[in-house]
PDB file of N, CA and C in Angstrom:
ATOM      1  N   MET A   1      -3.672  -3.965  -1.467  1.00  0.00           N
ATOM      2  CA  MET A   1      -3.317  -3.051  -0.306  1.00  0.00           C
ATOM      3  C   MET A   1      -3.441  -1.704  -1.241  1.00  0.00           C
ATOM      4  N   LYS A   2      -4.089  -0.468  -0.770  1.00  0.00           N
ATOM      5  CA  LYS A   2      -4.368   0.673  -1.090  1.00  0.00           C
ATOM      6  C   LYS A   2      -3.015   1.526  -0.960  1.00  0.00           C
ATOM      7  N   SER A   3      -2.394   2.637  -1.318  1.00  0.00           N
ATOM      8  CA  SER A   3      -1.851   3.849  -1.808  1.00  0.00           C
ATOM      9  C   SER A   3      -2.052   4.707  -0.442  1.00  0.00           C
ATOM     10  N   ILE A   4      -0.871   5.757  -0.213  1.00  0.00           N
ATOM     11  CA  ILE A   4      -1.325   6.805   0.442  1.00  0.00           C
ATOM     12  C   ILE A   4      -2.488   7.630  -0.365  1.00  0.00           C
ATOM     13  N   GLY A   5      -3.226   8.476  -0.014  1.00  0.00           N
ATOM     14  CA  GLY A   5      -4.118   9.153  -0.894  1.00  0.00           C
ATOM     15  C   GLY A   5      -5.414   8.951  -1.147  1.00  0.00           C
ATOM     16  N   SER A   6      -5.392   7.307  -1.208  1.00  0.00           N
ATOM     17  CA  SER A   6      -6.295   6.500  -1.722  1.00  0.00           C
ATOM     18  C   SER A   6      -7.686   7.221  -0.964  1.00  0.00           C
ATOM     19  N   ILE A   7      -9.035   7.097  -1.710  1.00  0.00           N
ATOM     20  CA  ILE A   7     -10.212   7.774  -0.551  1.00  0.00           C
ATOM     21  C   ILE A   7     -10.888   6.856  -0.898  1.00  0.00           C
ATOM     22  N   VAL A   8     -11.630   6.155   0.229  1.00  0.00           N
ATOM     23  CA  VAL A   8     -12.237   4.820   0.548  1.00  0.00           C
ATOM     24  C   VAL A   8     -13.869   5.475   1.316  1.00  0.00           C
ATOM     25  N   TYR A   9     -14.480   4.358   1.146  1.00  0.00           N
ATOM     26  CA  TYR A   9     -15.713   4.628   2.058  1.00  0.00           C
ATOM     27  C   TYR A   9     -15.491   2.866   2.891  1.00  0.00           C
ATOM     28  N   LEU A  10     -15.707   2.798   4.017  1.00  0.00           N
ATOM     29  CA  LEU A  10     -15.702   1.744   5.223  1.00  0.00           C
ATOM     30  C   LEU A  10     -17.017   0.917   4.941  1.00  0.00           C
ATOM     31  N   ALA A  11     -17.002  -0.165   5.241  1.00  0.00           N
ATOM     32  CA  ALA A  11     -18.256  -0.982   5.630  1.00  0.00           C
ATOM     33  C   ALA A  11     -19.078  -0.101   6.260  1.00  0.00           C
ATOM     34  N   ASP A  12     -20.201   0.173   5.845  1.00  0.00           N
ATOM     35  CA  ASP A  12     -21.124   0.792   6.912  1.00  0.00           C
ATOM     36  C   ASP A  12     -21.276   2.104   7.085  1.00  0.00           C
ATOM     37  N   GLY A  13     -19.970   2.753   6.094  1.00  0.00           N
ATOM     38  CA  GLY A  13     -20.021   4.347   6.658  1.00  0.00           C
ATOM     39  C   GLY A  13     -20.684   5.211   5.360  1.00  0.00           C
ATOM     40  N   ASN A  14     -20.568   6.329   5.551  1.00  0.00           N
ATOM     41  CA  ASN A  14     -20.816   7.393   4.668  1.00  0.00           C
ATOM     42  C   ASN A  14     -20.316   8.500   4.468  1.00  0.00           C
ATOM     43  N   GLN A  15     -19.029   8.371   5.147  1.00  0.00           N
ATOM     44  CA  GLN A  15     -18.324   9.608   4.954  1.00  0.00           C
ATOM     45  C   GLN A  15     -16.717   9.130   4.240  1.00  0.00           C
ATOM     46  N   LYS A  16     -16.364   9.736   3.335  1.00  0.00           N
ATOM     47  CA  LYS A  16     -15.143   9.330   2.732  1.00  0.00           C
ATOM     48  C   LYS A  16     -14.152   9.536   3.888  1.00  0.00           C
ATOM     49  N   ILE A  17     -13.162   8.577   3.839  1.00  0.00           N
ATOM     50  CA  ILE A  17     -11.809   8.642   4.402  1.00  0.00           C
ATOM     51  C   ILE A  17     -10.209   8.444   3.537  1.00  0.00           C
ATOM     52  N   MET A  18      -9.621   9.029   3.794  1.00  0.00           N
ATOM     53  CA  MET A  18      -8.451   9.350   2.975  1.00  0.00           C
ATOM     54  C   MET A  18      -7.235   8.667   3.881  1.00  0.00           C
ATOM     55  N   ILE A  19      -6.727   7.723   3.033  1.00  0.00           N
ATOM     56  CA  ILE A  19      -5.664   6.889   3.677  1.00  0.00           C
ATOM     57  C   ILE A  19      -4.583   7.672   3.710  1.00  0.00           C
ATOM     58  N   ILE A  20      -4.094   8.143   5.228  1.00  0.00           N
ATOM     59  CA  ILE A  20      -2.702   8.964   5.138  1.00  0.00           C
ATOM     60  C   ILE A  20      -1.541   8.187   5.565  1.00  0.00           C
ATOM     61  N   ASN A  21      -1.427   6.693   6.015  1.00  0.00           N
ATOM     62  CA  ASN A  21      -0.289   6.015   6.601  1.00  0.00           C
ATOM     63  C   ASN A  21      -0.800   4.236   6.135  1.00  0.00           C
ATOM     64  N   VAL A  22       0.749   3.780   5.732  1.00  0.00           N
ATOM     65  CA  VAL A  22       0.281   2.350   5.894  1.00  0.00           C
ATOM     66  C   VAL A  22       1.367   1.605   6.834  1.00  0.00           C
ATOM     67  N   GLY A  23       0.427   0.929   7.665  1.00  0.00           N
ATOM     68  CA  GLY A  23       1.263   0.049   8.521  1.00  0.00           C
ATOM     69  C   GLY A  23       1.399   0.825   9.949  1.00  0.00           C
ATOM     70  N   PRO A  24       0.345   1.460  10.336  1.00  0.00           N
ATOM     71  CA  PRO A  24       0.731   1.909  11.900  1.00  0.00           C
ATOM     72  C   PRO A  24       0.485   1.141  12.733  1.00  0.00           C
ATOM     73  N   VAL A  25       1.574   1.080  13.758  1.00  0.00           N
ATOM     74  CA  VAL A  25       1.138   0.201  15.027  1.00  0.00           C
ATOM     75  C   VAL A  25       0.983   1.205  16.159  1.00  0.00           C
ATOM     76  N   VAL A  26      -0.026   0.842  16.649  1.00  0.00           N
ATOM     77  CA  VAL A  26      -0.843   1.746  18.189  1.00  0.00           C
ATOM     78  C   VAL A  26      -0.758   0.902  19.395  1.00  0.00           C
ATOM     79  N   GLU A  27      -0.887   1.447  20.340  1.00  0.00           N
ATOM     80  CA  GLU A  27      -0.805   1.003  21.400  1.00  0.00           C
ATOM     81  C   GLU A  27      -1.908   1.372  22.118  1.00  0.00           C
ATOM     82  N   LYS A  28      -2.771   0.442  22.480  1.00  0.00           N
ATOM     83  CA  LYS A  28      -3.908   0.335  23.568  1.00  0.00           C
ATOM     84  C   LYS A  28      -3.809  -0.569  24.806  1.00  0.00           C
ATOM     85  N   ASP A  29      -4.292  -0.289  26.134  1.00  0.00           N
ATOM     86  CA  ASP A  29      -3.834  -0.821  27.022  1.00  0.00           C
ATOM     87  C   ASP A  29      -3.012  -1.992  27.368  1.00  0.00           C
ATOM     88  N   GLY A  30      -1.643  -1.091  26.759  1.00  0.00           N
ATOM     89  CA  GLY A  30      -0.623  -1.383  27.050  1.00  0.00           C
ATOM     90  C   GLY A  30       0.309  -2.317  25.801  1.00  0.00           C
ATOM     91  N   LYS A  31      -0.717  -2.765  25.293  1.00  0.00           N
ATOM     92  CA  LYS A  31      -0.510  -3.747  24.031  1.00  0.00           C
ATOM     93  C   LYS A  31      -0.332  -3.079  22.614  1.00  0.00           C
ATOM     94  N   GLU A  32       0.720  -3.372  21.755  1.00  0.00           N
ATOM     95  CA  GLU A  32       0.655  -3.205  20.646  1.00  0.00           C
ATOM     96  C   GLU A  32      -0.115  -3.769  19.401  1.00  0.00           C
ATOM     97  N   TYR A  33      -0.876  -3.344  18.587  1.00  0.00           N
ATOM     98  CA  TYR A  33      -1.405  -3.778  17.633  1.00  0.00           C
ATOM     99  C   TYR A  33      -0.887  -2.897  16.133  1.00  0.00           C
ATOM    100  N   TYR A  34      -1.136  -3.536  15.282  1.00  0.00           N
ATOM    101  CA  TYR A  34      -1.036  -2.994  14.106  1.00  0.00           C
ATOM    102  C   TYR A  34      -2.276  -2.881  12.864  1.00  0.00           C
ATOM    103  N   PHE A  35      -2.345  -2.264  11.786  1.00  0.00           N
ATOM    104  CA  PHE A  35      -3.669  -2.190  11.205  1.00  0.00           C
ATOM    105  C   PHE A  35      -2.876  -1.729  10.158  1.00  0.00           C
ATOM    106  N   ASP A  36      -3.505  -2.430   8.677  1.00  0.00           N
ATOM    107  CA  ASP A  36      -3.063  -1.827   7.529  1.00  0.00           C
ATOM    108  C   ASP A  36      -2.887  -0.103   6.833  1.00  0.00           C
ATOM    109  N   TYR A  37      -3.878   0.314   7.691  1.00  0.00           N
ATOM    110  CA  TYR A  37      -4.307   1.816   7.185  1.00  0.00           C
ATOM    111  C   TYR A  37      -4.246   3.026   8.377  1.00  0.00           C
ATOM    112  N   THR A  38      -3.961   4.018   8.322  1.00  0.00           N
ATOM    113  CA  THR A  38      -4.643   5.021   8.996  1.00  0.00           C
ATOM    114  C   THR A  38      -5.198   5.819   8.122  1.00  0.00           C
ATOM    115  N   GLY A  39      -6.521   6.765   8.456  1.00  0.00           N
ATOM    116  CA  GLY A  39      -7.077   7.368   7.891  1.00  0.00           C
ATOM    117  C   GLY A  39      -7.614   8.442   8.159  1.00  0.00           C
ATOM    118  N   CYS A  40      -8.057   9.809   7.687  1.00  0.00           N
ATOM    119  CA  CYS A  40      -8.749  11.106   8.359  1.00  0.00           C
ATOM    120  C   CYS A  40      -9.908  10.912   7.146  1.00  0.00           C
ATOM    121  N   ILE A  41     -10.640  11.715   7.916  1.00  0.00           N
ATOM    122  CA  ILE A  41     -11.954  12.355   6.930  1.00  0.00           C
ATOM    123  C   ILE A  41     -11.590  13.218   5.743  1.00  0.00           C
ATOM    124  N   TYR A  42     -11.993  12.852   4.916  1.00  0.00           N
ATOM    125  CA  TYR A  42     -11.834  13.799   3.636  1.00  0.00           C
ATOM    126  C   TYR A  42     -13.156  14.280   2.938  1.00  0.00           C
ATOM    127  N   PRO A  43     -12.859  15.929   3.002  1.00  0.00           N
ATOM    128  CA  PRO A  43     -11.829  16.150   2.366  1.00  0.00           C
ATOM    129  C   PRO A  43     -11.404  17.245   3.613  1.00  0.00           C
ATOM    130  N   GLU A  44     -11.784  17.361   4.848  1.00  0.00           N
ATOM    131  CA  GLU A  44     -11.267  18.094   5.777  1.00  0.00           C
ATOM    132  C   GLU A  44      -9.287  17.893   6.394  1.00  0.00           C
ATOM    133  N   GLY A  45      -9.279  16.736   6.068  1.00  0.00           N
ATOM    134  CA  GLY A  45      -7.751  16.397   6.260  1.00  0.00           C
ATOM    135  C   GLY A  45      -7.194  16.038   7.825  1.00  0.00           C
ATOM    136  N   VAL A  46      -6.295  15.905   8.181  1.00  0.00           N
ATOM    137  CA  VAL A  46      -5.985  15.213   9.404  1.00  0.00           C
ATOM    138  C   VAL A  46      -6.350  16.194  10.469  1.00  0.00           C
ATOM    139  N   ASN A  47      -6.690  15.769  11.455  1.00  0.00           N
ATOM    140  CA  ASN A  47      -7.104  16.047  12.806  1.00  0.00           C
ATOM    141  C   ASN A  47      -6.431  14.995  13.645  1.00  0.00           C
ATOM    142  N   PRO A  48      -5.389  15.019  14.650  1.00  0.00           N
ATOM    143  CA  PRO A  48      -4.764  14.534  15.269  1.00  0.00           C
ATOM    144  C   PRO A  48      -5.722  13.597  15.948  1.00  0.00           C
ATOM    145  N   GLU A  49      -6.799  14.230  16.584  1.00  0.00           N
ATOM    146  CA  GLU A  49      -7.666  13.616  17.635  1.00  0.00           C
ATOM    147  C   GLU A  49      -9.159  12.957  16.675  1.00  0.00           C
ATOM    148  N   GLN A  50      -9.171  12.914  15.586  1.00  0.00           N
ATOM    149  CA  GLN A  50     -10.078  12.154  14.669  1.00  0.00           C
ATOM    150  C   GLN A  50      -9.329  11.500  13.716  1.00  0.00           C
ATOM    151  N   VAL A  51      -8.443  10.304  13.817  1.00  0.00           N
ATOM    152  CA  VAL A  51      -7.678   9.722  12.646  1.00  0.00           C
ATOM    153  C   VAL A  51      -8.414   7.921  13.078  1.00  0.00           C
ATOM    154  N   TYR A  52      -8.802   7.766  11.824  1.00  0.00           N
ATOM    155  CA  TYR A  52      -8.882   6.238  12.154  1.00  0.00           C
ATOM    156  C   TYR A  52      -7.840   5.367  11.566  1.00  0.00           C
ATOM    157  N   TYR A  53      -8.269   4.034  12.270  1.00  0.00           N
ATOM    158  CA  TYR A  53      -7.589   2.983  12.104  1.00  0.00           C
ATOM    159  C   TYR A  53      -8.555   1.947  11.342  1.00  0.00           C
ATOM    160  N   PHE A  54      -7.949   1.218  10.248  1.00  0.00           N
ATOM    161  CA  PHE A  54      -8.630   0.210   9.381  1.00  0.00           C
ATOM    162  C   PHE A  54      -7.378  -0.756   8.758  1.00  0.00           C
ATOM    163  N   ASN A  55      -8.327  -1.711   8.485  1.00  0.00           N
ATOM    164  CA  ASN A  55      -7.824  -3.061   7.632  1.00  0.00           C
ATOM    165  C   ASN A  55      -8.245  -3.082   6.354  1.00  0.00           C
ATOM    166  N   ASN A  56      -7.554  -3.605   5.452  1.00  0.00           N
ATOM    167  CA  ASN A  56      -8.100  -4.045   4.164  1.00  0.00           C
ATOM    168  C   ASN A  56      -9.295  -4.442   3.841  1.00  0.00           C
ATOM    169  N   GLU A  57      -9.299  -5.422   4.558  1.00  0.00           N
ATOM    170  CA  GLU A  57     -10.940  -5.972   4.844  1.00  0.00           C
ATOM    171  C   GLU A  57     -12.098  -5.220   5.170  1.00  0.00           C
ATOM    172  N   ASP A  58     -11.688  -3.864   5.998  1.00  0.00           N
ATOM    173  CA  ASP A  58     -12.756  -2.973   6.244  1.00  0.00           C
ATOM    174  C   ASP A  58     -13.182  -2.151   5.093  1.00  0.00           C
ATOM    175  N   ILE A  59     -12.626  -1.845   4.157  1.00  0.00           N
ATOM    176  CA  ILE A  59     -12.891  -1.437   2.990  1.00  0.00           C
ATOM    177  C   ILE A  59     -13.837  -1.496   2.132  1.00  0.00           C
ATOM    178  N   ASP A  60     -15.111  -0.735   2.143  1.00  0.00           N
ATOM    179  CA  ASP A  60     -16.309  -1.373   1.311  1.00  0.00           C
ATOM    180  C   ASP A  60     -16.028  -0.887  -0.137  1.00  0.00           C
ATOM    181  N   GLU A  61     -15.705   0.516  -0.291  1.00  0.00           N
ATOM    182  CA  GLU A  61     -15.622   0.888  -1.960  1.00  0.00           C
ATOM    183  C   GLU A  61     -14.426   2.014  -1.819  1.00  0.00           C
ATOM    184  N   VAL A  62     -13.847   1.636  -2.979  1.00  0.00           N
ATOM    185  CA  VAL A  62     -12.261   2.429  -3.512  1.00  0.00           C
ATOM    186  C   VAL A  62     -12.848   3.640  -3.990  1.00  0.00           C
ATOM    187  N   ILE A  63     -13.069   4.892  -3.869  1.00  0.00           N
ATOM    188  CA  ILE A  63     -13.362   6.206  -4.455  1.00  0.00           C
ATOM    189  C   ILE A  63     -12.017   6.706  -5.560  1.00  0.00           C
ATOM    190  N   PHE A  64     -11.063   6.554  -5.090  1.00  0.00           N
ATOM    191  CA  PHE A  64      -9.999   7.002  -5.815  1.00  0.00           C
ATOM    192  C   PHE A  64      -8.494   6.576  -5.316  1.00  0.00           C
ATOM    193  N   ASP A  65      -7.558   5.898  -6.084  1.00  0.00           N
ATOM    194  CA  ASP A  65      -6.426   5.403  -5.828  1.00  0.00           C
ATOM    195  C   ASP A  65      -5.430   6.408  -5.934  1.00  0.00           C
ATOM    196  N   GLY A  66      -4.959   6.438  -4.849  1.00  0.00           N
ATOM    197  CA  GLY A  66      -3.626   7.103  -4.522  1.00  0.00           C
ATOM    198  C   GLY A  66      -2.383   6.996  -5.500  1.00  0.00           C
ATOM    199  N   TYR A  67      -1.638   8.150  -5.363  1.00  0.00           N
ATOM    200  CA  TYR A  67      -0.375   7.929  -6.469  1.00  0.00           C
ATOM    201  C   TYR A  67       0.591   6.712  -5.873  1.00  0.00           C
ATOM    202  N   LEU A  68       0.980   6.107  -6.838  1.00  0.00           N
ATOM    203  CA  LEU A  68       1.804   5.182  -6.507  1.00  0.00           C
ATOM    204  C   LEU A  68       3.052   4.922  -7.397  1.00  0.00           C
ATOM    205  N   ASP A  69       4.055   4.703  -6.761  1.00  0.00           N
ATOM    206  CA  ASP A  69       5.198   4.779  -7.645  1.00  0.00           C
ATOM    207  C   ASP A  69       6.276   3.422  -7.351  1.00  0.00           C
ATOM    208  N   ASP A  70       7.355   3.243  -7.500  1.00  0.00           N
ATOM    209  CA  ASP A  70       8.107   2.348  -7.016  1.00  0.00           C
ATOM    210  C   ASP A  70       8.499   1.839  -5.569  1.00  0.00           C
ATOM    211  N   ASP A  71       8.666   3.281  -4.992  1.00  0.00           N
ATOM    212  CA  ASP A  71       8.875   3.396  -3.456  1.00  0.00           C
ATOM    213  C   ASP A  71       7.854   2.792  -2.836  1.00  0.00           C
ATOM    214  N   GLY A  72       6.840   3.335  -3.385  1.00  0.00           N
ATOM    215  CA  GLY A  72       5.220   2.601  -2.667  1.00  0.00           C
ATOM    216  C   GLY A  72       4.804   1.489  -2.704  1.00  0.00           C
ATOM    217  N   LYS A  73       5.349   1.043  -4.308  1.00  0.00           N
ATOM    218  CA  LYS A  73       5.195  -0.286  -4.363  1.00  0.00           C
ATOM    219  C   LYS A  73       5.819  -1.325  -3.225  1.00  0.00           C
ATOM    220  N   ARG A  74       6.922  -0.951  -3.180  1.00  0.00           N
ATOM    221  CA  ARG A  74       8.110  -1.774  -2.356  1.00  0.00           C
ATOM    222  C   ARG A  74       7.721  -1.402  -0.781  1.00  0.00           C
ATOM    223  N   LEU A  75       7.235  -0.547  -0.432  1.00  0.00           N
ATOM    224  CA  LEU A  75       6.526  -0.193   0.911  1.00  0.00           C
ATOM    225  C   LEU A  75       5.532  -1.126   1.392  1.00  0.00           C
ATOM    226  N   ILE A  76       4.455  -1.306  -0.068  1.00  0.00           N
ATOM    227  CA  ILE A  76       3.358  -2.406   0.399  1.00  0.00           C
ATOM    228  C   ILE A  76       3.751  -3.733   0.084  1.00  0.00           C
ATOM    229  N   GLU A  77       5.047  -4.034  -0.488  1.00  0.00           N
ATOM    230  CA  GLU A  77       5.452  -5.252  -0.690  1.00  0.00           C
ATOM    231  C   GLU A  77       6.059  -5.689   0.814  1.00  0.00           C
ATOM    232  N   LEU A  78       7.071  -4.973   1.510  1.00  0.00           N
ATOM    233  CA  LEU A  78       7.852  -5.166   2.414  1.00  0.00           C
ATOM    234  C   LEU A  78       6.822  -5.301   3.640  1.00  0.00           C
ATOM    235  N   PHE A  79       5.540  -4.227   3.721  1.00  0.00           N
ATOM    236  CA  PHE A  79       4.356  -4.769   5.009  1.00  0.00           C
ATOM    237  C   PHE A  79       3.863  -5.996   4.696  1.00  0.00           C
ATOM    238  N   THR A  80       3.442  -6.264   3.120  1.00  0.00           N
ATOM    239  CA  THR A  80       2.854  -7.365   3.392  1.00  0.00           C
ATOM    240  C   THR A  80       3.548  -8.538   3.764  1.00  0.00           C
ATOM    241  N   ASN A  81       4.864  -8.472   2.997  1.00  0.00           N
ATOM    242  CA  ASN A  81       5.409  -9.628   3.850  1.00  0.00           C
ATOM    243  C   ASN A  81       5.788  -9.421   5.165  1.00  0.00           C
ATOM    244  N   TRP A  82       5.747  -8.610   5.754  1.00  0.00           N
ATOM    245  CA  TRP A  82       5.843  -8.657   7.436  1.00  0.00           C
ATOM    246  C   TRP A  82       4.750  -9.285   7.984  1.00  0.00           C
ATOM    247  N   LYS A  83       3.590  -8.837   7.340  1.00  0.00           N
ATOM    248  CA  LYS A  83       2.256  -9.219   8.081  1.00  0.00           C
ATOM    249  C   LYS A  83       2.055 -10.622   7.528  1.00  0.00           C
ATOM    250  N   ASN A  84       2.717 -11.209   6.953  1.00  0.00           N
ATOM    251  CA  ASN A  84       2.536 -12.652   6.422  1.00  0.00           C
ATOM    252  C   ASN A  84       3.560 -13.580   7.523  1.00  0.00           C
ATOM    253  N   ASN A  85       4.287 -12.761   8.029  1.00  0.00           N
ATOM    254  CA  ASN A  85       5.427 -13.737   8.587  1.00  0.00           C
ATOM    255  C   ASN A  85       4.617 -14.467   9.913  1.00  0.00           C
ATOM    256  N   LYS A  86       4.852 -15.312  10.262  1.00  0.00           N
ATOM    257  CA  LYS A  86       4.330 -16.205  11.537  1.00  0.00           C
ATOM    258  C   LYS A  86       4.849 -15.827  12.882  1.00  0.00           C
ATOM    259  N   ASN A  87       5.960 -15.072  12.426  1.00  0.00           N
ATOM    260  CA  ASN A  87       6.925 -15.003  13.829  1.00  0.00           C
ATOM    261  C   ASN A  87       6.894 -13.562  14.343  1.00  0.00           C
ATOM    262  N   LYS A  88       6.119 -12.871  13.593  1.00  0.00           N
ATOM    263  CA  LYS A  88       6.034 -11.341  13.973  1.00  0.00           C
ATOM    264  C   LYS A  88       5.188 -11.182  15.528  1.00  0.00           C
ATOM    265  N   LYS A  89       5.167 -10.290  16.168  1.00  0.00           N
ATOM    266  CA  LYS A  89       5.337 -10.362  17.823  1.00  0.00           C
ATOM    267  C   LYS A  89       3.840  -9.264  17.995  1.00  0.00           C
ATOM    268  N   ILE A  90       3.666  -8.632  16.780  1.00  0.00           N
ATOM    269  CA  ILE A  90       2.559  -7.394  17.078  1.00  0.00           C
ATOM    270  C   ILE A  90       1.138  -8.392  16.669  1.00  0.00           C
ATOM    271  N   GLU A  91       0.101  -7.827  16.720  1.00  0.00           N
ATOM    272  CA  GLU A  91      -1.148  -8.826  16.739  1.00  0.00           C
ATOM    273  C   GLU A  91      -1.931  -7.956  15.852  1.00  0.00           C
ATOM    274  N   LYS A  92      -2.612  -8.168  14.674  1.00  0.00           N
ATOM    275  CA  LYS A  92      -3.633  -7.485  14.241  1.00  0.00           C
ATOM    276  C   LYS A  92      -4.513  -6.556  14.859  1.00  0.00           C
ATOM    277  N   GLY A  93      -4.588  -5.576  14.729  1.00  0.00           N
ATOM    278  CA  GLY A  93      -5.853  -4.825  15.593  1.00  0.00           C
ATOM    279  C   GLY A  93      -7.250  -4.935  14.941  1.00  0.00           C
ATOM    280  N   ASN A  94      -8.272  -5.043  15.574  1.00  0.00           N
ATOM    281  CA  ASN A  94      -9.699  -5.089  15.301  1.00  0.00           C
ATOM    282  C   ASN A  94     -10.330  -3.851  15.361  1.00  0.00           C
ATOM    283  N   VAL A  95     -10.864  -3.339  14.088  1.00  0.00           N
ATOM    284  CA  VAL A  95     -11.603  -2.047  14.104  1.00  0.00           C
ATOM    285  C   VAL A  95     -12.727  -1.597  15.097  1.00  0.00           C
ATOM    286  N   GLU A  96     -13.325  -2.676  15.065  1.00  0.00           N
ATOM    287  CA  GLU A  96     -14.494  -2.507  16.019  1.00  0.00           C
ATOM    288  C   GLU A  96     -14.120  -2.316  17.364  1.00  0.00           C
ATOM    289  N   GLU A  97     -13.234  -3.250  17.678  1.00  0.00           N
ATOM    290  CA  GLU A  97     -12.803  -3.447  19.328  1.00  0.00           C
ATOM    291  C   GLU A  97     -11.981  -1.757  19.504  1.00  0.00           C
ATOM    292  N   PHE A  98     -10.889  -1.419  18.665  1.00  0.00           N
ATOM    293  CA  PHE A  98     -10.132  -0.389  18.917  1.00  0.00           C
ATOM    294  C   PHE A  98     -11.054   1.012  18.651  1.00  0.00           C
ATOM    295  N   ASN A  99     -11.393   1.129  17.977  1.00  0.00           N
ATOM    296  CA  ASN A  99     -11.939   2.154  17.326  1.00  0.00           C
ATOM    297  C   ASN A  99     -13.169   2.699  18.497  1.00  0.00           C
ATOM    298  N   ASN A 100     -14.285   1.686  18.820  1.00  0.00           N
ATOM    299  CA  ASN A 100     -14.905   2.254  19.821  1.00  0.00           C
ATOM    300  C   ASN A 100     -14.508   2.952  21.047  1.00  0.00           C
ATOM    301  N   SER A 101     -13.469   2.520  21.239  1.00  0.00           N
ATOM    302  CA  SER A 101     -12.805   2.899  22.512  1.00  0.00           C
ATOM    303  C   SER A 101     -12.640   4.598  22.639  1.00  0.00           C
ATOM    304  N   ILE A 102     -12.396   4.967  20.950  1.00  0.00           N
ATOM    305  CA  ILE A 102     -12.222   6.420  20.839  1.00  0.00           C
ATOM    306  C   ILE A 102     -13.781   7.011  20.579  1.00  0.00           C
ATOM    307  N   PRO A 103     -13.706   8.452  21.118  1.00  0.00           N
ATOM    308  CA  PRO A 103     -14.922   8.964  20.527  1.00  0.00           C
ATOM    309  C   PRO A 103     -15.087   9.418  19.498  1.00  0.00           C
ATOM    310  N   ARG A 104     -16.155   9.287  18.695  1.00  0.00           N
ATOM    311  CA  ARG A 104     -16.070   9.758  17.379  1.00  0.00           C
ATOM    312  C   ARG A 104     -17.370  10.592  16.936  1.00  0.00           C
ATOM    313  N   LYS A 105     -17.179  11.688  15.974  1.00  0.00           N
ATOM    314  CA  LYS A 105     -18.695  11.861  15.535  1.00  0.00           C
ATOM    315  C   LYS A 105     -19.600  11.235  14.866  1.00  0.00           C
ATOM    316  N   LYS A 106     -20.701  11.561  14.679  1.00  0.00           N
ATOM    317  CA  LYS A 106     -21.762  10.584  14.114  1.00  0.00           C
ATOM    318  C   LYS A 106     -21.482  10.814  12.414  1.00  0.00           C
ATOM    319  N   GLY A 107     -22.164   9.845  11.796  1.00  0.00           N
ATOM    320  CA  GLY A 107     -21.721   9.893  10.517  1.00  0.00           C
ATOM    321  C   GLY A 107     -20.682   8.825  10.016  1.00  0.00           C
ATOM    322  N   TRP A 108     -19.910   8.226  10.750  1.00  0.00           N
ATOM    323  CA  TRP A 108     -19.215   7.128  10.170  1.00  0.00           C
ATOM    324  C   TRP A 108     -19.147   5.735  11.093  1.00  0.00           C
ATOM    325  N   GLY A 109     -20.524   5.874  12.197  1.00  0.00           N
ATOM    326  CA  GLY A 109     -20.903   4.830  12.915  1.00  0.00           C
ATOM    327  C   GLY A 109     -20.263   4.952  14.187  1.00  0.00           C
ATOM    328  N   PHE A 110     -19.575   5.935  14.786  1.00  0.00           N
ATOM    329  CA  PHE A 110     -19.218   6.168  15.637  1.00  0.00           C
ATOM    330  C   PHE A 110     -19.603   7.524  16.389  1.00  0.00           C
ATOM    331  N   GLU A 111     -19.847   7.924  17.541  1.00  0.00           N
ATOM    332  CA  GLU A 111     -19.922   9.461  17.965  1.00  0.00           C
ATOM    333  C   GLU A 111     -18.428  10.024  18.222  1.00  0.00           C
ATOM    334  N   TRP A 112     -18.500  11.111  17.575  1.00  0.00           N
ATOM    335  CA  TRP A 112     -17.224  11.945  18.550  1.00  0.00           C
ATOM    336  C   TRP A 112     -17.438  13.086  18.281  1.00  0.00           C
TER     337      TRP A 112
END
């Protein structure tokens, strides 16, 4: 798992994405899904209409590792333990299915 502030390229992507959230839960069609991360375009920053939900396996290359202290390590540990709990009631989101329903700008594999 990566920390907040990390800069990554996603698979088949040509735009840098900065991780701004770990473990978001989002709703689509009345159902909740979790993702490993929320990201925004780097260097532009957060635009609420242009955030990306993705998972660790979607990261192709890490450009920069964000700051990680004991609190950040604890958050990642708790989130990882929660993800590994077979009794959790929230399903892991699929990047292709979820993000394709959001209009996107060219350059990251989506139109916005």
